[in-house]
PDB file of N, CA and C in Angstrom:
ATOM      1  N   MET A   1     122.267  41.117  21.720  1.00  0.00           N
ATOM      2  CA  MET A   1     122.779  40.164  22.629  1.00  0.00           C
ATOM      3  C   MET A   1     123.010  41.063  23.802  1.00  0.00           C
ATOM      4  N   PRO A   2     122.670  40.684  24.879  1.00  0.00           N
ATOM      5  CA  PRO A   2     122.775  41.640  26.217  1.00  0.00           C
ATOM      6  C   PRO A   2     124.246  41.628  26.718  1.00  0.00           C
ATOM      7  N   LYS A   3     124.593  42.785  27.092  1.00  0.00           N
ATOM      8  CA  LYS A   3     125.944  43.075  27.525  1.00  0.00           C
ATOM      9  C   LYS A   3     126.277  42.448  28.938  1.00  0.00           C
ATOM     10  N   LYS A   4     127.394  41.620  28.893  1.00  0.00           N
ATOM     11  CA  LYS A   4     127.606  41.202  30.312  1.00  0.00           C
ATOM     12  C   LYS A   4     128.055  42.119  31.398  1.00  0.00           C
ATOM     13  N   SER A   5     127.726  41.976  32.587  1.00  0.00           N
ATOM     14  CA  SER A   5     128.063  42.878  33.689  1.00  0.00           C
ATOM     15  C   SER A   5     129.576  43.105  33.615  1.00  0.00           C
ATOM     16  N   MET A   6     130.057  44.123  33.670  1.00  0.00           N
ATOM     17  CA  MET A   6     131.385  44.576  33.884  1.00  0.00           C
ATOM     18  C   MET A   6     132.245  44.235  32.602  1.00  0.00           C
ATOM     19  N   GLU A   7     131.718  43.986  31.405  1.00  0.00           N
ATOM     20  CA  GLU A   7     132.321  43.633  30.386  1.00  0.00           C
ATOM     21  C   GLU A   7     133.253  44.840  29.818  1.00  0.00           C
ATOM     22  N   HIS A   8     132.597  45.951  29.810  1.00  0.00           N
ATOM     23  CA  HIS A   8     133.267  47.245  29.443  1.00  0.00           C
ATOM     24  C   HIS A   8     133.230  48.131  30.638  1.00  0.00           C
ATOM     25  N   LEU A   9     134.304  48.769  31.010  1.00  0.00           N
ATOM     26  CA  LEU A   9     134.328  49.766  32.379  1.00  0.00           C
ATOM     27  C   LEU A   9     133.726  51.263  31.673  1.00  0.00           C
ATOM     28  N   THR A  10     133.070  51.717  32.303  1.00  0.00           N
ATOM     29  CA  THR A  10     132.615  53.259  32.208  1.00  0.00           C
ATOM     30  C   THR A  10     133.993  54.070  32.462  1.00  0.00           C
ATOM     31  N   GLU A  11     133.979  55.369  31.920  1.00  0.00           N
ATOM     32  CA  GLU A  11     135.084  56.221  32.176  1.00  0.00           C
ATOM     33  C   GLU A  11     135.402  56.422  33.662  1.00  0.00           C
ATOM     34  N   PRO A  12     134.279  56.623  34.559  1.00  0.00           N
ATOM     35  CA  PRO A  12     134.641  56.817  35.827  1.00  0.00           C
ATOM     36  C   PRO A  12     135.127  55.533  36.431  1.00  0.00           C
ATOM     37  N   MET A  13     134.743  54.286  36.151  1.00  0.00           N
ATOM     38  CA  MET A  13     135.129  52.989  36.599  1.00  0.00           C
ATOM     39  C   MET A  13     136.661  52.884  36.308  1.00  0.00           C
ATOM     40  N   PHE A  14     137.002  53.027  35.065  1.00  0.00           N
ATOM     41  CA  PHE A  14     138.289  53.071  34.572  1.00  0.00           C
ATOM     42  C   PHE A  14     139.343  54.066  35.332  1.00  0.00           C
ATOM     43  N   TYR A  15     138.912  55.097  35.629  1.00  0.00           N
ATOM     44  CA  TYR A  15     139.715  55.901  36.469  1.00  0.00           C
ATOM     45  C   TYR A  15     139.805  55.384  37.854  1.00  0.00           C
ATOM     46  N   VAL A  16     138.795  54.885  38.544  1.00  0.00           N
ATOM     47  CA  VAL A  16     138.887  54.419  39.889  1.00  0.00           C
ATOM     48  C   VAL A  16     139.719  53.283  39.969  1.00  0.00           C
ATOM     49  N   LEU A  17     139.729  52.251  39.030  1.00  0.00           N
ATOM     50  CA  LEU A  17     140.737  51.274  39.007  1.00  0.00           C
ATOM     51  C   LEU A  17     142.298  51.854  38.663  1.00  0.00           C
ATOM     52  N   MET A  18     142.351  52.837  38.007  1.00  0.00           N
ATOM     53  CA  MET A  18     143.737  53.516  37.775  1.00  0.00           C
ATOM     54  C   MET A  18     144.291  53.997  39.089  1.00  0.00           C
ATOM     55  N   ALA A  19     143.349  54.798  39.796  1.00  0.00           N
ATOM     56  CA  ALA A  19     143.867  55.181  41.145  1.00  0.00           C
ATOM     57  C   ALA A  19     144.307  54.152  42.138  1.00  0.00           C
ATOM     58  N   PHE A  20     143.539  53.104  42.098  1.00  0.00           N
ATOM     59  CA  PHE A  20     144.094  51.905  42.953  1.00  0.00           C
ATOM     60  C   PHE A  20     145.261  51.317  42.566  1.00  0.00           C
ATOM     61  N   THR A  21     145.662  51.350  41.208  1.00  0.00           N
ATOM     62  CA  THR A  21     147.014  50.771  40.939  1.00  0.00           C
ATOM     63  C   THR A  21     148.102  51.559  41.352  1.00  0.00           C
ATOM     64  N   VAL A  22     148.056  52.719  41.778  1.00  0.00           N
ATOM     65  CA  VAL A  22     148.888  53.474  42.338  1.00  0.00           C
ATOM     66  C   VAL A  22     149.250  53.052  43.831  1.00  0.00           C
ATOM     67  N   GLN A  23     148.251  53.016  44.495  1.00  0.00           N
ATOM     68  CA  GLN A  23     148.365  52.563  45.893  1.00  0.00           C
ATOM     69  C   GLN A  23     147.007  52.205  46.605  1.00  0.00           C
ATOM     70  N   PRO A  24     146.904  51.483  47.722  1.00  0.00           N
ATOM     71  CA  PRO A  24     145.679  51.185  48.349  1.00  0.00           C
ATOM     72  C   PRO A  24     145.461  52.765  48.926  1.00  0.00           C
ATOM     73  N   GLN A  25     144.045  52.971  49.100  1.00  0.00           N
ATOM     74  CA  GLN A  25     143.551  54.363  49.526  1.00  0.00           C
ATOM     75  C   GLN A  25     142.198  54.214  49.818  1.00  0.00           C
ATOM     76  N   CYS A  26     141.532  55.300  50.443  1.00  0.00           N
ATOM     77  CA  CYS A  26     140.175  55.349  50.514  1.00  0.00           C
ATOM     78  C   CYS A  26     139.434  55.960  49.362  1.00  0.00           C
ATOM     79  N   GLY A  27     138.208  56.091  49.375  1.00  0.00           N
ATOM     80  CA  GLY A  27     137.561  56.627  48.236  1.00  0.00           C
ATOM     81  C   GLY A  27     137.773  58.079  47.973  1.00  0.00           C
ATOM     82  N   ILE A  28     137.777  58.929  48.912  1.00  0.00           N
ATOM     83  CA  ILE A  28     138.096  60.314  48.913  1.00  0.00           C
ATOM     84  C   ILE A  28     139.443  60.511  48.145  1.00  0.00           C
ATOM     85  N   GLU A  29     140.430  59.878  48.674  1.00  0.00           N
ATOM     86  CA  GLU A  29     141.649  59.879  48.096  1.00  0.00           C
ATOM     87  C   GLU A  29     141.701  59.449  46.655  1.00  0.00           C
ATOM     88  N   ALA A  30     141.060  58.493  46.270  1.00  0.00           N
ATOM     89  CA  ALA A  30     140.968  57.985  44.875  1.00  0.00           C
ATOM     90  C   ALA A  30     140.276  59.140  44.028  1.00  0.00           C
ATOM     91  N   ALA A  31     139.189  59.765  44.683  1.00  0.00           N
ATOM     92  CA  ALA A  31     138.476  60.728  43.827  1.00  0.00           C
ATOM     93  C   ALA A  31     139.370  62.006  43.639  1.00  0.00           C
ATOM     94  N   GLU A  32     140.273  62.332  44.449  1.00  0.00           N
ATOM     95  CA  GLU A  32     141.094  63.412  44.435  1.00  0.00           C
ATOM     96  C   GLU A  32     142.251  63.191  43.418  1.00  0.00           C
ATOM     97  N   PHE A  33     142.873  61.964  43.567  1.00  0.00           N
ATOM     98  CA  PHE A  33     143.807  61.503  42.510  1.00  0.00           C
ATOM     99  C   PHE A  33     143.188  61.685  41.131  1.00  0.00           C
ATOM    100  N   ILE A  34     142.050  61.126  40.966  1.00  0.00           N
ATOM    101  CA  ILE A  34     141.234  61.211  39.574  1.00  0.00           C
ATOM    102  C   ILE A  34     141.175  62.577  39.065  1.00  0.00           C
ATOM    103  N   GLU A  35     140.577  63.285  39.957  1.00  0.00           N
ATOM    104  CA  GLU A  35     140.450  64.766  39.608  1.00  0.00           C
ATOM    105  C   GLU A  35     141.765  65.359  39.208  1.00  0.00           C
ATOM    106  N   THR A  36     142.847  65.401  40.012  1.00  0.00           N
ATOM    107  CA  THR A  36     144.126  65.881  39.720  1.00  0.00           C
ATOM    108  C   THR A  36     144.672  65.399  38.522  1.00  0.00           C
ATOM    109  N   TRP A  37     144.674  63.938  38.346  1.00  0.00           N
ATOM    110  CA  TRP A  37     145.242  63.315  37.234  1.00  0.00           C
ATOM    111  C   TRP A  37     144.642  63.699  35.823  1.00  0.00           C
ATOM    112  N   THR A  38     143.272  63.890  35.982  1.00  0.00           N
ATOM    113  CA  THR A  38     142.655  64.278  34.669  1.00  0.00           C
ATOM    114  C   THR A  38     142.569  65.855  34.474  1.00  0.00           C
ATOM    115  N   GLN A  39     143.244  66.567  35.365  1.00  0.00           N
ATOM    116  CA  GLN A  39     143.207  68.075  35.367  1.00  0.00           C
ATOM    117  C   GLN A  39     141.749  68.616  35.471  1.00  0.00           C
ATOM    118  N   GLY A  40     140.949  67.829  36.356  1.00  0.00           N
ATOM    119  CA  GLY A  40     139.536  68.316  36.536  1.00  0.00           C
ATOM    120  C   GLY A  40     138.573  67.886  35.518  1.00  0.00           C
ATOM    121  N   ARG A  41     138.959  67.134  34.327  1.00  0.00           N
ATOM    122  CA  ARG A  41     138.048  66.665  33.411  1.00  0.00           C
ATOM    123  C   ARG A  41     137.082  65.595  33.959  1.00  0.00           C
ATOM    124  N   VAL A  42     137.586  64.681  34.839  1.00  0.00           N
ATOM    125  CA  VAL A  42     136.796  63.757  35.396  1.00  0.00           C
ATOM    126  C   VAL A  42     136.618  63.919  36.943  1.00  0.00           C
ATOM    127  N   GLN A  43     135.370  64.238  37.437  1.00  0.00           N
ATOM    128  CA  GLN A  43     135.101  64.445  38.890  1.00  0.00           C
ATOM    129  C   GLN A  43     134.090  63.541  39.264  1.00  0.00           C
ATOM    130  N   LEU A  44     134.241  62.875  40.369  1.00  0.00           N
ATOM    131  CA  LEU A  44     133.407  61.791  40.855  1.00  0.00           C
ATOM    132  C   LEU A  44     132.591  62.456  42.038  1.00  0.00           C
ATOM    133  N   GLY A  45     131.317  62.331  41.995  1.00  0.00           N
ATOM    134  CA  GLY A  45     130.454  62.668  43.114  1.00  0.00           C
ATOM    135  C   GLY A  45     130.501  61.592  43.992  1.00  0.00           C
ATOM    136  N   PRO A  46     129.947  61.704  45.214  1.00  0.00           N
ATOM    137  CA  PRO A  46     129.968  60.632  46.184  1.00  0.00           C
ATOM    138  C   PRO A  46     129.132  59.465  45.751  1.00  0.00           C
ATOM    139  N   ALA A  47     127.853  59.837  45.287  1.00  0.00           N
ATOM    140  CA  ALA A  47     127.038  58.607  44.941  1.00  0.00           C
ATOM    141  C   ALA A  47     127.748  57.823  43.824  1.00  0.00           C
ATOM    142  N   THR A  48     128.192  58.360  42.904  1.00  0.00           N
ATOM    143  CA  THR A  48     129.232  57.489  41.797  1.00  0.00           C
ATOM    144  C   THR A  48     130.196  56.783  42.348  1.00  0.00           C
ATOM    145  N   LEU A  49     131.055  57.482  43.259  1.00  0.00           N
ATOM    146  CA  LEU A  49     132.293  56.849  43.560  1.00  0.00           C
ATOM    147  C   LEU A  49     131.934  55.711  44.490  1.00  0.00           C
ATOM    148  N   TYR A  50     130.927  55.919  45.532  1.00  0.00           N
ATOM    149  CA  TYR A  50     130.653  54.715  46.451  1.00  0.00           C
ATOM    150  C   TYR A  50     129.932  53.731  45.854  1.00  0.00           C
ATOM    151  N   THR A  51     129.182  53.923  44.587  1.00  0.00           N
ATOM    152  CA  THR A  51     128.441  52.731  43.842  1.00  0.00           C
ATOM    153  C   THR A  51     129.558  52.070  43.224  1.00  0.00           C
ATOM    154  N   ILE A  52     130.487  52.679  42.690  1.00  0.00           N
ATOM    155  CA  ILE A  52     131.557  51.949  41.852  1.00  0.00           C
ATOM    156  C   ILE A  52     132.349  51.246  42.832  1.00  0.00           C
ATOM    157  N   LEU A  53     132.802  51.914  44.000  1.00  0.00           N
ATOM    158  CA  LEU A  53     133.657  50.958  45.048  1.00  0.00           C
ATOM    159  C   LEU A  53     132.848  49.737  45.562  1.00  0.00           C
ATOM    160  N   GLY A  54     131.563  49.863  45.736  1.00  0.00           N
ATOM    161  CA  GLY A  54     130.670  48.759  46.092  1.00  0.00           C
ATOM    162  C   GLY A  54     130.649  47.653  45.090  1.00  0.00           C
ATOM    163  N   LYS A  55     130.466  48.155  43.970  1.00  0.00           N
ATOM    164  CA  LYS A  55     130.449  47.079  42.771  1.00  0.00           C
ATOM    165  C   LYS A  55     131.795  46.420  42.565  1.00  0.00           C
ATOM    166  N   PHE A  56     132.769  47.182  42.844  1.00  0.00           N
ATOM    167  CA  PHE A  56     134.154  46.659  42.709  1.00  0.00           C
ATOM    168  C   PHE A  56     134.498  45.700  43.721  1.00  0.00           C
ATOM    169  N   GLU A  57     133.981  45.961  44.947  1.00  0.00           N
ATOM    170  CA  GLU A  57     134.412  45.101  45.983  1.00  0.00           C
ATOM    171  C   GLU A  57     133.478  43.809  45.832  1.00  0.00           C
ATOM    172  N   LYS A  58     132.302  43.934  45.413  1.00  0.00           N
ATOM    173  CA  LYS A  58     131.484  42.695  45.192  1.00  0.00           C
ATOM    174  C   LYS A  58     132.032  41.894  44.165  1.00  0.00           C
ATOM    175  N   GLU A  59     132.574  42.450  43.024  1.00  0.00           N
ATOM    176  CA  GLU A  59     133.081  41.772  41.880  1.00  0.00           C
ATOM    177  C   GLU A  59     134.515  41.310  42.192  1.00  0.00           C
ATOM    178  N   GLY A  60     135.197  41.730  43.363  1.00  0.00           N
ATOM    179  CA  GLY A  60     136.337  41.088  43.649  1.00  0.00           C
ATOM    180  C   GLY A  60     137.635  42.044  42.966  1.00  0.00           C
ATOM    181  N   TYR A  61     137.274  43.204  42.440  1.00  0.00           N
ATOM    182  CA  TYR A  61     138.295  43.987  41.901  1.00  0.00           C
ATOM    183  C   TYR A  61     139.066  44.764  42.835  1.00  0.00           C
ATOM    184  N   LEU A  62     138.401  45.003  43.913  1.00  0.00           N
ATOM    185  CA  LEU A  62     138.985  45.830  45.214  1.00  0.00           C
ATOM    186  C   LEU A  62     138.672  44.845  46.439  1.00  0.00           C
ATOM    187  N   ARG A  63     139.620  45.174  47.385  1.00  0.00           N
ATOM    188  CA  ARG A  63     139.317  44.431  48.547  1.00  0.00           C
ATOM    189  C   ARG A  63     139.611  45.561  49.676  1.00  0.00           C
ATOM    190  N   GLU A  64     138.704  45.366  50.856  1.00  0.00           N
ATOM    191  CA  GLU A  64     138.875  46.383  51.786  1.00  0.00           C
ATOM    192  C   GLU A  64     140.007  45.889  52.739  1.00  0.00           C
ATOM    193  N   THR A  65     140.957  46.922  52.963  1.00  0.00           N
ATOM    194  CA  THR A  65     142.118  46.594  53.880  1.00  0.00           C
ATOM    195  C   THR A  65     142.174  47.142  55.182  1.00  0.00           C
ATOM    196  N   ALA A  66     141.494  48.199  55.456  1.00  0.00           N
ATOM    197  CA  ALA A  66     141.358  48.825  56.718  1.00  0.00           C
ATOM    198  C   ALA A  66     140.202  49.694  56.945  1.00  0.00           C
ATOM    199  N   VAL A  67     139.675  49.827  58.166  1.00  0.00           N
ATOM    200  CA  VAL A  67     138.496  50.588  58.507  1.00  0.00           C
ATOM    201  C   VAL A  67     138.830  51.475  59.588  1.00  0.00           C
ATOM    202  N   GLU A  68     138.889  52.696  59.485  1.00  0.00           N
ATOM    203  CA  GLU A  68     138.947  53.683  60.603  1.00  0.00           C
ATOM    204  C   GLU A  68     137.756  54.439  60.696  1.00  0.00           C
ATOM    205  N   GLY A  69     136.846  54.150  61.782  1.00  0.00           N
ATOM    206  CA  GLY A  69     135.636  54.894  61.747  1.00  0.00           C
ATOM    207  C   GLY A  69     134.857  54.786  60.483  1.00  0.00           C
ATOM    208  N   ARG A  70     134.469  55.732  59.763  1.00  0.00           N
ATOM    209  CA  ARG A  70     133.761  55.666  58.466  1.00  0.00           C
ATOM    210  C   ARG A  70     134.684  55.586  57.385  1.00  0.00           C
ATOM    211  N   LYS A  71     136.038  55.665  57.505  1.00  0.00           N
ATOM    212  CA  LYS A  71     136.961  55.715  56.525  1.00  0.00           C
ATOM    213  C   LYS A  71     137.407  54.295  56.117  1.00  0.00           C
ATOM    214  N   ARG A  72     137.220  53.839  54.909  1.00  0.00           N
ATOM    215  CA  ARG A  72     137.489  52.589  54.527  1.00  0.00           C
ATOM    216  C   ARG A  72     138.649  52.533  53.479  1.00  0.00           C
ATOM    217  N   THR A  73     139.754  51.852  53.508  1.00  0.00           N
ATOM    218  CA  THR A  73     140.772  51.761  52.677  1.00  0.00           C
ATOM    219  C   THR A  73     140.738  50.385  51.840  1.00  0.00           C
ATOM    220  N   TYR A  74     140.934  50.699  50.574  1.00  0.00           N
ATOM    221  CA  TYR A  74     140.736  49.553  49.589  1.00  0.00           C
ATOM    222  C   TYR A  74     141.993  49.338  48.932  1.00  0.00           C
ATOM    223  N   ALA A  75     142.294  48.070  48.365  1.00  0.00           N
ATOM    224  CA  ALA A  75     143.414  47.711  47.487  1.00  0.00           C
ATOM    225  C   ALA A  75     142.980  47.148  46.351  1.00  0.00           C
ATOM    226  N   ILE A  76     143.693  47.189  45.300  1.00  0.00           N
ATOM    227  CA  ILE A  76     143.135  46.590  43.866  1.00  0.00           C
ATOM    228  C   ILE A  76     143.704  45.119  43.975  1.00  0.00           C
ATOM    229  N   THR A  77     142.796  44.053  43.524  1.00  0.00           N
ATOM    230  CA  THR A  77     143.245  42.825  43.535  1.00  0.00           C
ATOM    231  C   THR A  77     143.810  42.339  42.125  1.00  0.00           C
ATOM    232  N   GLY A  78     144.260  41.185  42.107  1.00  0.00           N
ATOM    233  CA  GLY A  78     144.723  40.666  40.787  1.00  0.00           C
ATOM    234  C   GLY A  78     143.565  40.783  39.747  1.00  0.00           C
ATOM    235  N   LYS A  79     142.192  40.355  40.095  1.00  0.00           N
ATOM    236  CA  LYS A  79     141.224  40.494  39.174  1.00  0.00           C
ATOM    237  C   LYS A  79     141.045  41.952  38.752  1.00  0.00           C
ATOM    238  N   GLY A  80     141.125  42.830  39.621  1.00  0.00           N
ATOM    239  CA  GLY A  80     140.937  44.271  39.364  1.00  0.00           C
ATOM    240  C   GLY A  80     142.079  44.712  38.267  1.00  0.00           C
ATOM    241  N   LYS A  81     143.427  44.309  38.599  1.00  0.00           N
ATOM    242  CA  LYS A  81     144.290  44.673  37.670  1.00  0.00           C
ATOM    243  C   LYS A  81     144.182  44.119  36.221  1.00  0.00           C
ATOM    244  N   LEU A  82     143.686  42.934  36.253  1.00  0.00           N
ATOM    245  CA  LEU A  82     143.383  42.283  34.996  1.00  0.00           C
ATOM    246  C   LEU A  82     142.302  43.162  34.164  1.00  0.00           C
ATOM    247  N   ALA A  83     141.269  43.490  34.800  1.00  0.00           N
ATOM    248  CA  ALA A  83     140.226  44.124  34.438  1.00  0.00           C
ATOM    249  C   ALA A  83     140.684  45.617  33.878  1.00  0.00           C
ATOM    250  N   TYR A  84     141.641  46.234  34.656  1.00  0.00           N
ATOM    251  CA  TYR A  84     142.161  47.569  34.205  1.00  0.00           C
ATOM    252  C   TYR A  84     142.924  47.328  32.959  1.00  0.00           C
ATOM    253  N   LEU A  85     143.829  46.364  32.740  1.00  0.00           N
ATOM    254  CA  LEU A  85     144.651  46.101  31.614  1.00  0.00           C
ATOM    255  C   LEU A  85     143.811  45.620  30.413  1.00  0.00           C
ATOM    256  N   GLN A  86     142.709  44.844  30.680  1.00  0.00           N
ATOM    257  CA  GLN A  86     141.750  44.580  29.471  1.00  0.00           C
ATOM    258  C   GLN A  86     141.202  45.817  28.973  1.00  0.00           C
ATOM    259  N   GLU A  87     140.840  46.697  29.914  1.00  0.00           N
ATOM    260  CA  GLU A  87     140.045  47.910  29.397  1.00  0.00           C
ATOM    261  C   GLU A  87     141.087  48.765  28.618  1.00  0.00           C
ATOM    262  N   MET A  88     142.383  48.934  29.209  1.00  0.00           N
ATOM    263  CA  MET A  88     143.245  49.587  28.401  1.00  0.00           C
ATOM    264  C   MET A  88     143.569  49.204  27.002  1.00  0.00           C
ATOM    265  N   ALA A  89     143.755  47.698  26.911  1.00  0.00           N
ATOM    266  CA  ALA A  89     143.753  47.244  25.668  1.00  0.00           C
ATOM    267  C   ALA A  89     142.549  47.522  24.685  1.00  0.00           C
ATOM    268  N   ARG A  90     141.447  47.469  25.318  1.00  0.00           N
ATOM    269  CA  ARG A  90     140.130  47.702  24.462  1.00  0.00           C
ATOM    270  C   ARG A  90     140.245  49.196  23.980  1.00  0.00           C
ATOM    271  N   LEU A  91     140.494  50.181  24.824  1.00  0.00           N
ATOM    272  CA  LEU A  91     140.520  51.538  24.553  1.00  0.00           C
ATOM    273  C   LEU A  91     141.601  51.777  23.353  1.00  0.00           C
ATOM    274  N   GLU A  92     142.731  51.168  23.606  1.00  0.00           N
ATOM    275  CA  GLU A  92     144.004  51.216  22.428  1.00  0.00           C
ATOM    276  C   GLU A  92     143.463  50.663  21.194  1.00  0.00           C
ATOM    277  N   ALA A  93     142.673  49.515  21.276  1.00  0.00           N
ATOM    278  CA  ALA A  93     142.173  49.011  20.122  1.00  0.00           C
ATOM    279  C   ALA A  93     141.303  50.025  19.402  1.00  0.00           C
ATOM    280  N   CYS A  94     140.218  50.764  20.040  1.00  0.00           N
ATOM    281  CA  CYS A  94     139.515  51.744  19.485  1.00  0.00           C
ATOM    282  C   CYS A  94     140.127  52.685  18.973  1.00  0.00           C
ATOM    283  N   LEU A  95     141.112  53.326  19.573  1.00  0.00           N
ATOM    284  CA  LEU A  95     142.061  54.326  19.016  1.00  0.00           C
ATOM    285  C   LEU A  95     142.731  53.996  17.793  1.00  0.00           C
ATOM    286  N   ASN A  96     143.213  52.662  17.925  1.00  0.00           N
ATOM    287  CA  ASN A  96     143.933  52.222  16.665  1.00  0.00           C
ATOM    288  C   ASN A  96     143.002  52.181  15.426  1.00  0.00           C
ATOM    289  N   ASP A  97     141.743  51.741  15.720  1.00  0.00           N
ATOM    290  CA  ASP A  97     140.817  51.714  14.629  1.00  0.00           C
ATOM    291  C   ASP A  97     140.466  53.068  13.971  1.00  0.00           C
ATOM    292  N   ALA A  98     140.277  54.009  14.969  1.00  0.00           N
ATOM    293  CA  ALA A  98     140.094  55.380  14.507  1.00  0.00           C
ATOM    294  C   ALA A  98     141.252  55.895  13.862  1.00  0.00           C
ATOM    295  N   ARG A  99     142.534  55.531  14.275  1.00  0.00           N
ATOM    296  CA  ARG A  99     143.686  56.151  13.480  1.00  0.00           C
ATOM    297  C   ARG A  99     143.931  55.608  12.059  1.00  0.00           C
ATOM    298  N   ARG A 100     143.363  54.558  11.753  1.00  0.00           N
ATOM    299  CA  ARG A 100     143.491  53.843  10.437  1.00  0.00           C
ATOM    300  C   ARG A 100     142.685  54.668   9.425  1.00  0.00           C
ATOM    301  N   LEU A 101     141.731  55.454   9.827  1.00  0.00           N
ATOM    302  CA  LEU A 101     140.955  56.323   8.820  1.00  0.00           C
ATOM    303  C   LEU A 101     141.773  57.570   8.657  1.00  0.00           C
ATOM    304  N   PRO A 102     141.516  58.184   7.626  1.00  0.00           N
ATOM    305  CA  PRO A 102     141.998  59.483   7.433  1.00  0.00           C
ATOM    306  C   PRO A 102     141.209  60.555   8.224  1.00  0.00           C
ATOM    307  N   PRO A 103     141.999  61.464   8.989  1.00  0.00           N
ATOM    308  CA  PRO A 103     141.341  62.359   9.775  1.00  0.00           C
ATOM    309  C   PRO A 103     140.221  63.132   9.162  1.00  0.00           C
ATOM    310  N   PRO A 104     139.079  63.333   9.955  1.00  0.00           N
ATOM    311  CA  PRO A 104     138.052  64.260   9.186  1.00  0.00           C
ATOM    312  C   PRO A 104     138.415  65.503   9.032  1.00  0.00           C
ATOM    313  N   THR A 105     138.125  66.240   8.169  1.00  0.00           N
ATOM    314  CA  THR A 105     138.334  67.723   7.929  1.00  0.00           C
ATOM    315  C   THR A 105     137.496  68.572   9.094  1.00  0.00           C
ATOM    316  N   VAL A 106     137.983  69.622   9.450  1.00  0.00           N
ATOM    317  CA  VAL A 106     137.325  70.511  10.190  1.00  0.00           C
ATOM    318  C   VAL A 106     136.292  71.258   9.455  1.00  0.00           C
ATOM    319  N   PRO A 107     134.981  71.377   9.799  1.00  0.00           N
ATOM    320  CA  PRO A 107     134.024  72.034   9.052  1.00  0.00           C
ATOM    321  C   PRO A 107     134.321  73.496   8.937  1.00  0.00           C
ATOM    322  N   THR A 108     134.077  74.127   7.957  1.00  0.00           N
ATOM    323  CA  THR A 108     134.215  75.301   7.711  1.00  0.00           C
ATOM    324  C   THR A 108     133.012  76.193   8.293  1.00  0.00           C
ATOM    325  N   ALA A 109     133.030  77.510   8.411  1.00  0.00           N
ATOM    326  CA  ALA A 109     132.007  78.292   9.051  1.00  0.00           C
ATOM    327  C   ALA A 109     130.688  78.117   8.279  1.00  0.00           C
ATOM    328  N   ALA A 110     130.799  77.936   7.071  1.00  0.00           N
ATOM    329  CA  ALA A 110     129.534  77.748   6.103  1.00  0.00           C
ATOM    330  C   ALA A 110     128.941  76.316   6.375  1.00  0.00           C
ATOM    331  N   GLU A 111     129.855  75.220   6.731  1.00  0.00           N
ATOM    332  CA  GLU A 111     129.329  73.972   6.949  1.00  0.00           C
ATOM    333  C   GLU A 111     128.839  73.649   8.346  1.00  0.00           C
ATOM    334  N   ALA A 112     129.443  74.465   9.246  1.00  0.00           N
ATOM    335  CA  ALA A 112     129.042  74.145  10.614  1.00  0.00           C
ATOM    336  C   ALA A 112     127.737  75.003  10.937  1.00  0.00           C
ATOM    337  N   PRO A 113     126.686  74.248  11.517  1.00  0.00           N
ATOM    338  CA  PRO A 113     125.555  75.100  12.116  1.00  0.00           C
ATOM    339  C   PRO A 113     125.905  76.083  13.234  1.00  0.00           C
ATOM    340  N   LEU A 114     125.357  77.239  12.956  1.00  0.00           N
ATOM    341  CA  LEU A 114     125.498  78.482  14.036  1.00  0.00           C
ATOM    342  C   LEU A 114     124.711  78.126  15.247  1.00  0.00           C
ATOM    343  N   SER A 115     123.587  77.578  15.034  1.00  0.00           N
ATOM    344  CA  SER A 115     122.554  77.307  16.230  1.00  0.00           C
ATOM    345  C   SER A 115     121.764  76.126  15.846  1.00  0.00           C
ATOM    346  N   PRO A 116     121.312  75.444  16.940  1.00  0.00           N
ATOM    347  CA  PRO A 116     120.510  74.271  16.767  1.00  0.00           C
ATOM    348  C   PRO A 116     119.274  74.567  15.963  1.00  0.00           C
ATOM    349  N   ALA A 117     118.799  73.643  15.222  1.00  0.00           N
ATOM    350  CA  ALA A 117     117.584  73.831  14.435  1.00  0.00           C
ATOM    351  C   ALA A 117     116.427  74.007  15.402  1.00  0.00           C
ATOM    352  N   PRO A 118     115.513  74.845  14.968  1.00  0.00           N
ATOM    353  CA  PRO A 118     114.440  75.149  15.724  1.00  0.00           C
ATOM    354  C   PRO A 118     113.512  73.834  15.917  1.00  0.00           C
ATOM    355  N   SER A 119     112.909  73.604  16.993  1.00  0.00           N
ATOM    356  CA  SER A 119     112.115  72.527  17.119  1.00  0.00           C
ATOM    357  C   SER A 119     110.521  72.890  16.680  1.00  0.00           C
ATOM    358  N   PRO A 120     109.993  71.857  16.100  1.00  0.00           N
ATOM    359  CA  PRO A 120     108.598  72.152  15.414  1.00  0.00           C
ATOM    360  C   PRO A 120     107.679  72.461  16.557  1.00  0.00           C
ATOM    361  N   ALA A 121     106.871  73.474  16.205  1.00  0.00           N
ATOM    362  CA  ALA A 121     105.859  73.882  17.361  1.00  0.00           C
ATOM    363  C   ALA A 121     104.683  73.041  17.475  1.00  0.00           C
TER     364      ALA A 121
END
C-alpha cells in the first residue's frame, strides 16, 4: 500500500516543526535552533531546509507571517501543531514497542566483525 504524503515525518521535518513550536522565525533561525537543540547531531543544509519549509507551507503546517527582503518569517499553524503531536505519539509508540523487548546484549569482540567482509572479485 503506498504511503500517504506527510503520513510520517522525517527526522529533519520533525525538528523543523519543533523549532516553530517555540516561536515564529525564519528558516535560518530554525536551522540554528535545531543544530543547537540536538547538539550538532542534526544539521540542515539550505536545500533540505527550504524544501521542507515550502512543503510545510503548501500543506498548511506553516504560514508566512513577514517578509523583509529575502528573509521570510513563518509561524506554525494548528495543523502543523497537530502533525507535530501526532509524530511525537508515533515515535513514543515505537520506543514503547522496543522497550517491551529484553535489551539486546552487546556483542563480544569474538562476535563483532572487525572489518567488512571482502566483496567478491
